[in-house]
C-alpha atoms as a PDB file:
ATOM      1  CA  MET A   1      -6.288 -41.127   4.871  1.00  0.00           C
ATOM      2  CA  SER A   2      -7.338 -38.660   2.181  1.00  0.00           C
ATOM      3  CA  GLU A   3      -5.691 -35.250   1.971  1.00  0.00           C
ATOM      4  CA  ASN A   4      -7.775 -32.289   3.086  1.00  0.00           C
ATOM      5  CA  PRO A   5      -8.538 -30.103   0.013  1.00  0.00           C
ATOM      6  CA  GLN A   6      -8.078 -27.049   2.246  1.00  0.00           C
ATOM      7  CA  ASP A   7      -4.382 -27.933   2.614  1.00  0.00           C
ATOM      8  CA  LYS A   8      -3.864 -27.394  -1.115  1.00  0.00           C
ATOM      9  CA  LYS A   9      -5.263 -23.880  -1.093  1.00  0.00           C
ATOM     10  CA  LEU A  10      -3.158 -20.737  -1.330  1.00  0.00           C
ATOM     11  CA  LEU A  11      -2.830 -18.886   1.953  1.00  0.00           C
ATOM     12  CA  VAL A  12      -3.768 -15.209   2.228  1.00  0.00           C
ATOM     13  CA  GLU A  13      -2.216 -13.534   5.256  1.00  0.00           C
ATOM     14  CA  VAL A  14      -2.571 -10.039   6.679  1.00  0.00           C
ATOM     15  CA  CYS A  15       0.437  -8.596   8.476  1.00  0.00           C
ATOM     16  CA  ILE A  16      -0.587  -5.562  10.527  1.00  0.00           C
ATOM     17  CA  SER A  17       2.879  -4.019  10.851  1.00  0.00           C
ATOM     18  CA  PRO A  18       6.229  -4.034   9.032  1.00  0.00           C
ATOM     19  CA  GLN A  19       7.837  -5.085  12.303  1.00  0.00           C
ATOM     20  CA  LEU A  20       5.870  -8.339  12.173  1.00  0.00           C
ATOM     21  CA  TYR A  21       6.749  -9.072   8.553  1.00  0.00           C
ATOM     22  CA  PRO A  22       9.481 -11.637   9.388  1.00  0.00           C
ATOM     23  CA  VAL A  23       6.815 -13.717  11.167  1.00  0.00           C
ATOM     24  CA  TYR A  24       4.674 -13.883   8.023  1.00  0.00           C
ATOM     25  CA  GLN A  25       7.417 -13.984   5.395  1.00  0.00           C
ATOM     26  CA  ARG A  26       7.078 -16.992   3.120  1.00  0.00           C
ATOM     27  CA  ALA A  27       9.030 -18.010   0.047  1.00  0.00           C
ATOM     28  CA  ASN A  28       7.292 -17.340  -3.273  1.00  0.00           C
ATOM     29  CA  SER A  29       4.560 -15.156  -1.757  1.00  0.00           C
ATOM     30  CA  ILE A  30       3.371 -11.947  -3.370  1.00  0.00           C
ATOM     31  CA  VAL A  31       3.553  -9.028  -0.934  1.00  0.00           C
ATOM     32  CA  VAL A  32       1.013  -6.237  -1.362  1.00  0.00           C
ATOM     33  CA  VAL A  33       2.250  -3.153   0.482  1.00  0.00           C
ATOM     34  CA  ILE A  34      -0.577  -1.011   1.859  1.00  0.00           C
ATOM     35  CA  ASP A  35      -0.429   2.544   3.197  1.00  0.00           C
ATOM     36  CA  ILE A  36      -3.829   4.012   2.436  1.00  0.00           C
ATOM     37  CA  PHE A  37      -3.195   7.344   4.242  1.00  0.00           C
ATOM     38  CA  ARG A  38      -1.195   8.109   2.107  1.00  0.00           C
ATOM     39  CA  ALA A  39       1.976   6.680   0.597  1.00  0.00           C
ATOM     40  CA  THR A  40       0.589   3.878  -1.575  1.00  0.00           C
ATOM     41  CA  SER A  41      -2.281   6.114  -2.665  1.00  0.00           C
ATOM     42  CA  ALA A  42       0.225   8.794  -3.682  1.00  0.00           C
ATOM     43  CA  ILE A  43       2.375   6.244  -5.520  1.00  0.00           C
ATOM     44  CA  CYS A  44      -0.605   4.933  -7.508  1.00  0.00           C
ATOM     45  CA  THR A  45      -1.614   8.504  -8.327  1.00  0.00           C
ATOM     46  CA  ALA A  46       1.884   9.367  -9.522  1.00  0.00           C
ATOM     47  CA  PHE A  47       1.860   6.449 -11.947  1.00  0.00           C
ATOM     48  CA  GLN A  48      -1.598   7.398 -13.154  1.00  0.00           C
ATOM     49  CA  TYR A  49      -0.176  10.838 -13.986  1.00  0.00           C
ATOM     50  CA  GLY A  50       2.704   9.373 -15.948  1.00  0.00           C
ATOM     51  CA  VAL A  51       5.716   9.069 -13.650  1.00  0.00           C
ATOM     52  CA  GLU A  52       8.169   6.571 -15.137  1.00  0.00           C
ATOM     53  CA  LYS A  53       9.869   5.307 -11.984  1.00  0.00           C
ATOM     54  CA  MET A  54       9.820   5.901  -8.249  1.00  0.00           C
ATOM     55  CA  ILE A  55      12.624   5.085  -5.837  1.00  0.00           C
ATOM     56  CA  PRO A  56      11.330   4.289  -2.335  1.00  0.00           C
ATOM     57  CA  VAL A  57      13.805   4.997   0.445  1.00  0.00           C
ATOM     58  CA  ALA A  58      13.265   4.456   4.149  1.00  0.00           C
ATOM     59  CA  SER A  59      15.593   7.122   5.559  1.00  0.00           C
ATOM     60  CA  LEU A  60      15.608  10.884   5.189  1.00  0.00           C
ATOM     61  CA  GLU A  61      19.378  10.726   4.902  1.00  0.00           C
ATOM     62  CA  LYS A  62      19.004   8.710   1.710  1.00  0.00           C
ATOM     63  CA  ALA A  63      16.299  11.059   0.449  1.00  0.00           C
ATOM     64  CA  ALA A  64      18.587  14.060   1.050  1.00  0.00           C
ATOM     65  CA  GLU A  65      21.398  12.294  -0.776  1.00  0.00           C
ATOM     66  CA  TYR A  66      19.206  11.823  -3.844  1.00  0.00           C
ATOM     67  CA  LYS A  67      18.050  15.438  -3.592  1.00  0.00           C
ATOM     68  CA  SER A  68      21.656  16.622  -3.603  1.00  0.00           C
ATOM     69  CA  LYS A  69      22.172  14.699  -6.847  1.00  0.00           C
ATOM     70  CA  GLY A  70      19.324  16.578  -8.532  1.00  0.00           C
ATOM     71  CA  PHE A  71      16.501  14.057  -8.210  1.00  0.00           C
ATOM     72  CA  LEU A  72      12.913  15.089  -7.610  1.00  0.00           C
ATOM     73  CA  VAL A  73      12.126  13.920  -4.068  1.00  0.00           C
ATOM     74  CA  GLY A  74       8.940  13.515  -2.055  1.00  0.00           C
ATOM     75  CA  ALA A  75       9.504  13.447   1.715  1.00  0.00           C
ATOM     76  CA  GLU A  76       6.975  13.256   4.549  1.00  0.00           C
ATOM     77  CA  ARG A  77       7.150  12.657   8.277  1.00  0.00           C
ATOM     78  CA  ASN A  78       4.299  12.660  10.789  1.00  0.00           C
ATOM     79  CA  GLY A  79       1.777  13.580   8.096  1.00  0.00           C
ATOM     80  CA  MET A  80       3.576  16.712   6.925  1.00  0.00           C
ATOM     81  CA  ALA A  81       5.535  17.404   3.760  1.00  0.00           C
ATOM     82  CA  LEU A  82       9.083  18.349   4.654  1.00  0.00           C
ATOM     83  CA  PRO A  83      10.534  21.706   3.580  1.00  0.00           C
ATOM     84  CA  GLY A  84      13.188  21.635   0.908  1.00  0.00           C
ATOM     85  CA  TYR A  85      11.646  18.733  -0.999  1.00  0.00           C
ATOM     86  CA  ASP A  86       9.500  18.703  -4.131  1.00  0.00           C
ATOM     87  CA  PHE A  87       6.519  16.690  -2.844  1.00  0.00           C
ATOM     88  CA  GLY A  88       5.032  15.243   0.304  1.00  0.00           C
ATOM     89  CA  ASN A  89       2.849  12.155   0.236  1.00  0.00           C
ATOM     90  CA  SER A  90      -0.458  13.751  -0.706  1.00  0.00           C
ATOM     91  CA  PRO A  91      -1.933  12.238  -3.875  1.00  0.00           C
ATOM     92  CA  TYR A  92      -2.909  15.745  -4.951  1.00  0.00           C
ATOM     93  CA  GLY A  93       0.746  16.747  -5.094  1.00  0.00           C
ATOM     94  CA  TYR A  94       1.314  14.227  -7.872  1.00  0.00           C
ATOM     95  CA  MET A  95      -1.661  15.248  -9.994  1.00  0.00           C
ATOM     96  CA  THR A  96       0.412  17.172 -12.511  1.00  0.00           C
ATOM     97  CA  ASP A  97       1.648  16.530 -16.013  1.00  0.00           C
ATOM     98  CA  SER A  98       5.048  17.854 -14.955  1.00  0.00           C
ATOM     99  CA  ILE A  99       5.933  14.421 -13.516  1.00  0.00           C
ATOM    100  CA  ARG A 100       5.297  12.569 -16.789  1.00  0.00           C
ATOM    101  CA  GLY A 101       8.317  10.500 -17.752  1.00  0.00           C
ATOM    102  CA  LYS A 102      10.223  11.478 -14.594  1.00  0.00           C
ATOM    103  CA  THR A 103      11.884   9.484 -11.810  1.00  0.00           C
ATOM    104  CA  ILE A 104      10.819  10.522  -8.305  1.00  0.00           C
ATOM    105  CA  VAL A 105      12.349   9.458  -4.996  1.00  0.00           C
ATOM    106  CA  ILE A 106       9.892   9.037  -2.108  1.00  0.00           C
ATOM    107  CA  SER A 107      10.389   8.638   1.640  1.00  0.00           C
ATOM    108  CA  THR A 108       7.480   8.508   4.086  1.00  0.00           C
ATOM    109  CA  THR A 109       6.796   7.804   7.742  1.00  0.00           C
ATOM    110  CA  ASN A 110       5.294   4.372   7.171  1.00  0.00           C
ATOM    111  CA  GLY A 111       4.822   3.230   3.581  1.00  0.00           C
ATOM    112  CA  THR A 112       8.434   3.235   2.477  1.00  0.00           C
ATOM    113  CA  GLN A 113       9.375   1.447   5.689  1.00  0.00           C
ATOM    114  CA  ALA A 114       7.021  -1.368   4.709  1.00  0.00           C
ATOM    115  CA  ILE A 115       8.497  -1.515   1.208  1.00  0.00           C
ATOM    116  CA  GLU A 116      11.969  -1.730   2.752  1.00  0.00           C
ATOM    117  CA  ALA A 117      10.849  -4.550   5.074  1.00  0.00           C
ATOM    118  CA  ALA A 118       9.536  -6.615   2.152  1.00  0.00           C
ATOM    119  CA  HIS A 119      12.006  -5.656  -0.571  1.00  0.00           C
ATOM    120  CA  LYS A 120      13.567  -9.126  -0.755  1.00  0.00           C
ATOM    121  CA  ALA A 121      10.237 -10.852  -1.404  1.00  0.00           C
ATOM    122  CA  GLN A 122       9.783 -12.569  -4.748  1.00  0.00           C
ATOM    123  CA  GLU A 123       7.244  -9.926  -5.808  1.00  0.00           C
ATOM    124  CA  VAL A 124       6.255  -6.661  -4.143  1.00  0.00           C
ATOM    125  CA  VAL A 125       3.338  -4.627  -5.482  1.00  0.00           C
ATOM    126  CA  ILE A 126       1.630  -1.457  -4.312  1.00  0.00           C
ATOM    127  CA  GLY A 127      -2.011  -1.564  -3.280  1.00  0.00           C
ATOM    128  CA  SER A 128      -4.581   1.123  -2.567  1.00  0.00           C
ATOM    129  CA  PHE A 129      -8.295   1.634  -2.976  1.00  0.00           C
ATOM    130  CA  LEU A 130      -7.357   3.658  -6.062  1.00  0.00           C
ATOM    131  CA  ASN A 131      -6.200   0.489  -7.888  1.00  0.00           C
ATOM    132  CA  PHE A 132      -8.293  -2.004  -5.926  1.00  0.00           C
ATOM    133  CA  SER A 133      -9.988  -3.890  -8.771  1.00  0.00           C
ATOM    134  CA  ALA A 134      -6.755  -4.139 -10.763  1.00  0.00           C
ATOM    135  CA  ILE A 135      -4.865  -5.574  -7.769  1.00  0.00           C
ATOM    136  CA  CYS A 136      -7.566  -8.130  -6.994  1.00  0.00           C
ATOM    137  CA  ALA A 137      -7.960  -9.262 -10.595  1.00  0.00           C
ATOM    138  CA  TRP A 138      -4.187  -9.630 -11.004  1.00  0.00           C
ATOM    139  CA  LEU A 139      -3.729 -11.575  -7.776  1.00  0.00           C
ATOM    140  CA  LYS A 140      -6.350 -14.087  -8.879  1.00  0.00           C
ATOM    141  CA  THR A 141      -4.262 -14.894 -11.970  1.00  0.00           C
ATOM    142  CA  GLN A 142      -0.968 -15.483 -10.150  1.00  0.00           C
ATOM    143  CA  ASN A 143      -1.550 -18.792  -8.343  1.00  0.00           C
ATOM    144  CA  LYS A 144       0.624 -17.677  -5.424  1.00  0.00           C
ATOM    145  CA  GLU A 145       0.199 -17.097  -1.722  1.00  0.00           C
ATOM    146  CA  VAL A 146      -0.419 -13.485  -0.718  1.00  0.00           C
ATOM    147  CA  ILE A 147       0.804 -11.368   2.175  1.00  0.00           C
ATOM    148  CA  LEU A 148      -1.143  -8.139   2.627  1.00  0.00           C
ATOM    149  CA  LEU A 149       1.406  -5.969   4.436  1.00  0.00           C
ATOM    150  CA  CYS A 150      -0.120  -3.035   6.291  1.00  0.00           C
ATOM    151  CA  SER A 151       2.245  -0.143   6.901  1.00  0.00           C
ATOM    152  CA  GLY A 152       0.316   0.948   9.985  1.00  0.00           C
ATOM    153  CA  TRP A 153       1.489   3.940  11.972  1.00  0.00           C
ATOM    154  CA  LYS A 154       5.048   3.674  13.288  1.00  0.00           C
ATOM    155  CA  ASN A 155       4.724  -0.100  13.489  1.00  0.00           C
ATOM    156  CA  ARG A 156       1.324   0.053  15.200  1.00  0.00           C
ATOM    157  CA  PHE A 157      -1.996  -1.221  13.885  1.00  0.00           C
ATOM    158  CA  ASN A 158      -4.204   1.184  11.990  1.00  0.00           C
ATOM    159  CA  MET A 159      -7.752   0.895  10.728  1.00  0.00           C
ATOM    160  CA  GLU A 160      -7.518   2.133   7.156  1.00  0.00           C
ATOM    161  CA  ASP A 161      -4.813  -0.314   6.077  1.00  0.00           C
ATOM    162  CA  MET A 162      -6.706  -3.166   7.715  1.00  0.00           C
ATOM    163  CA  LEU A 163      -9.875  -2.120   5.876  1.00  0.00           C
ATOM    164  CA  PHE A 164      -8.131  -2.337   2.526  1.00  0.00           C
ATOM    165  CA  ALA A 165      -6.523  -5.658   3.436  1.00  0.00           C
ATOM    166  CA  GLY A 166      -9.985  -6.915   4.366  1.00  0.00           C
ATOM    167  CA  ALA A 167     -11.420  -5.744   1.064  1.00  0.00           C
ATOM    168  CA  VAL A 168      -8.774  -7.732  -0.833  1.00  0.00           C
ATOM    169  CA  ALA A 169      -9.213 -10.741   1.449  1.00  0.00           C
ATOM    170  CA  ASP A 170     -12.962 -10.579   0.822  1.00  0.00           C
ATOM    171  CA  GLN A 171     -12.391 -10.678  -2.933  1.00  0.00           C
ATOM    172  CA  LEU A 172      -9.877 -13.523  -2.765  1.00  0.00           C
ATOM    173  CA  SER A 173     -12.053 -15.592  -0.432  1.00  0.00           C
ATOM    174  CA  ASP A 174     -14.613 -15.783  -3.244  1.00  0.00           C
ATOM    175  CA  ALA A 175     -12.016 -17.500  -5.438  1.00  0.00           C
ATOM    176  CA  PRO A 176     -11.817 -21.285  -4.912  1.00  0.00           C
ATOM    177  CA  ASP A 177      -8.011 -21.450  -4.731  1.00  0.00           C
ATOM    178  CA  TYR A 178      -7.533 -19.319  -1.619  1.00  0.00           C
ATOM    179  CA  LYS A 179      -7.925 -19.701   2.125  1.00  0.00           C
ATOM    180  CA  LEU A 180      -7.621 -16.911   4.686  1.00  0.00           C
ATOM    181  CA  GLY A 181      -5.341 -16.867   7.688  1.00  0.00           C
ATOM    182  CA  ASP A 182      -6.846 -15.640  10.951  1.00  0.00           C
ATOM    183  CA  ALA A 183      -5.748 -11.999  10.520  1.00  0.00           C
ATOM    184  CA  ALA A 184      -7.067 -12.010   6.943  1.00  0.00           C
ATOM    185  CA  LEU A 185     -10.370 -13.416   8.182  1.00  0.00           C
ATOM    186  CA  ALA A 186     -10.599 -10.686  10.847  1.00  0.00           C
ATOM    187  CA  ALA A 187      -9.780  -8.051   8.241  1.00  0.00           C
ATOM    188  CA  LYS A 188     -12.469  -9.434   5.959  1.00  0.00           C
ATOM    189  CA  TYR A 189     -15.083  -9.181   8.703  1.00  0.00           C
ATOM    190  CA  LEU A 190     -13.969  -5.630   9.494  1.00  0.00           C
ATOM    191  CA  PHE A 191     -14.317  -4.646   5.846  1.00  0.00           C
ATOM    192  CA  GLN A 192     -17.734  -6.285   5.536  1.00  0.00           C
ATOM    193  CA  SER A 193     -18.988  -4.244   8.480  1.00  0.00           C
ATOM    194  CA  ALA A 194     -17.619  -1.055   6.907  1.00  0.00           C
ATOM    195  CA  GLN A 195     -18.051  -1.451   3.168  1.00  0.00           C
ATOM    196  CA  LYS A 196     -21.187   0.665   2.852  1.00  0.00           C
ATOM    197  CA  ASN A 197     -19.457   3.650   4.425  1.00  0.00           C
ATOM    198  CA  PRO A 198     -15.740   3.186   5.145  1.00  0.00           C
ATOM    199  CA  TYR A 199     -15.357   6.901   5.873  1.00  0.00           C
ATOM    200  CA  ARG A 200     -17.826   6.614   8.740  1.00  0.00           C
ATOM    201  CA  MET A 201     -16.177   3.428  10.039  1.00  0.00           C
ATOM    202  CA  LEU A 202     -12.920   5.356  10.358  1.00  0.00           C
ATOM    203  CA  HIS A 203     -14.523   8.037  12.534  1.00  0.00           C
ATOM    204  CA  GLY A 204     -12.282   8.462  15.563  1.00  0.00           C
ATOM    205  CA  SER A 205      -9.435   6.407  14.101  1.00  0.00           C
ATOM    206  CA  SER A 206      -6.045   7.835  14.985  1.00  0.00           C
ATOM    207  CA  HIS A 207      -4.644   8.515  11.522  1.00  0.00           C
ATOM    208  CA  LYS A 208      -7.887   9.978  10.184  1.00  0.00           C
ATOM    209  CA  GLU A 209      -7.979  12.354  13.151  1.00  0.00           C
ATOM    210  CA  ARG A 210      -4.292  13.187  12.686  1.00  0.00           C
ATOM    211  CA  LEU A 211      -4.776  14.104   9.029  1.00  0.00           C
ATOM    212  CA  SER A 212      -8.010  15.969   9.732  1.00  0.00           C
ATOM    213  CA  LYS A 213      -6.198  18.184  12.243  1.00  0.00           C
ATOM    214  CA  LEU A 214      -3.664  18.956   9.516  1.00  0.00           C
ATOM    215  CA  GLY A 215      -6.467  20.083   7.187  1.00  0.00           C
ATOM    216  CA  LEU A 216      -6.212  17.024   4.957  1.00  0.00           C
ATOM    217  CA  LYS A 217      -9.821  15.812   4.851  1.00  0.00           C
ATOM    218  CA  ALA A 218      -9.816  15.964   1.040  1.00  0.00           C
ATOM    219  CA  ASP A 219      -6.848  13.566   1.036  1.00  0.00           C
ATOM    220  CA  ILE A 220      -8.718  11.163   3.292  1.00  0.00           C
ATOM    221  CA  LYS A 221     -11.768  11.057   1.032  1.00  0.00           C
ATOM    222  CA  TYR A 222      -9.700  10.713  -2.119  1.00  0.00           C
ATOM    223  CA  CYS A 223      -7.632   7.866  -0.666  1.00  0.00           C
ATOM    224  CA  LEU A 224     -10.862   5.952   0.034  1.00  0.00           C
ATOM    225  CA  SER A 225     -12.027   6.342  -3.594  1.00  0.00           C
ATOM    226  CA  LEU A 226     -12.307   3.156  -5.634  1.00  0.00           C
ATOM    227  CA  ASP A 227     -10.611   2.427  -8.934  1.00  0.00           C
ATOM    228  CA  LYS A 228      -9.140   5.731 -10.037  1.00  0.00           C
ATOM    229  CA  THR A 229      -6.491   3.757 -11.932  1.00  0.00           C
ATOM    230  CA  GLY A 230      -5.843   0.321 -13.369  1.00  0.00           C
ATOM    231  CA  ILE A 231      -2.073   0.608 -12.872  1.00  0.00           C
ATOM    232  CA  ILE A 232      -0.223  -1.690 -10.479  1.00  0.00           C
ATOM    233  CA  PRO A 233       3.189  -0.382  -9.382  1.00  0.00           C
ATOM    234  CA  VAL A 234       5.695  -3.201  -8.832  1.00  0.00           C
ATOM    235  CA  LEU A 235       9.149  -3.188  -7.217  1.00  0.00           C
ATOM    236  CA  LYS A 236      11.931  -4.170  -9.625  1.00  0.00           C
ATOM    237  CA  ASP A 237      15.620  -3.844  -8.688  1.00  0.00           C
ATOM    238  CA  GLY A 238      14.895  -1.097  -6.177  1.00  0.00           C
ATOM    239  CA  PHE A 239      12.624   0.890  -8.499  1.00  0.00           C
ATOM    240  CA  LEU A 240       8.853   1.056  -8.506  1.00  0.00           C
ATOM    241  CA  VAL A 241       7.681   0.749 -12.101  1.00  0.00           C
ATOM    242  CA  LYS A 242       4.391   0.291 -13.895  1.00  0.00           C
ATOM    243  CA  MET A 243       3.517  -3.388 -14.212  1.00  0.00           C
ATOM    244  CA  GLY A 244       3.275  -4.635 -17.751  1.00  0.00           C
END
């Protein structure tokens, strides 16, 4: 009996929540952490503006510890920057030459929790619409299975992360070496229905409404912008650094 060529293809999975990551975890997979509104968008922006390293931490206790040692720290919970810290998780907060060459600690409601969940994976990279083309092009050269890890909202599904995961899945499905798991296929179809106007597709979505009520519509639009940077942040020994 001949082997099915599909069995030799590299699997692309979408995990909709950090809490589900152990179900999807596979040896040798690349994990792309996604938090479109706004942690991974802010991280990509910080590297575009010259930050040297970022230290993602899940807990505010750890963030406060770094702050007490003199580190620059970005801290956000429930969409709001926390008082006493240097940044929140708005990309606009990192659009300054003052961060060039610096190390910044970051702790957010969702994104840094996802990084923590996946930190033992063979390779963890940061994905956003801002570095979309770079991420897709790089993944196609790696010859490895891919887990698109959505940060969601407090371990619940959200639309914007799924849209980005679907955009990547759509790109990888055009490459002959990949096959999509069911969640990746669903994400792809969601993206295809939204690609002409993702902002409109997100109308009524919980996180978009949450940020809009906080006066952060400019953040929403910026985080849906394509290809503002070609940089891919990658997790190395607990630090996020610029790939290559």
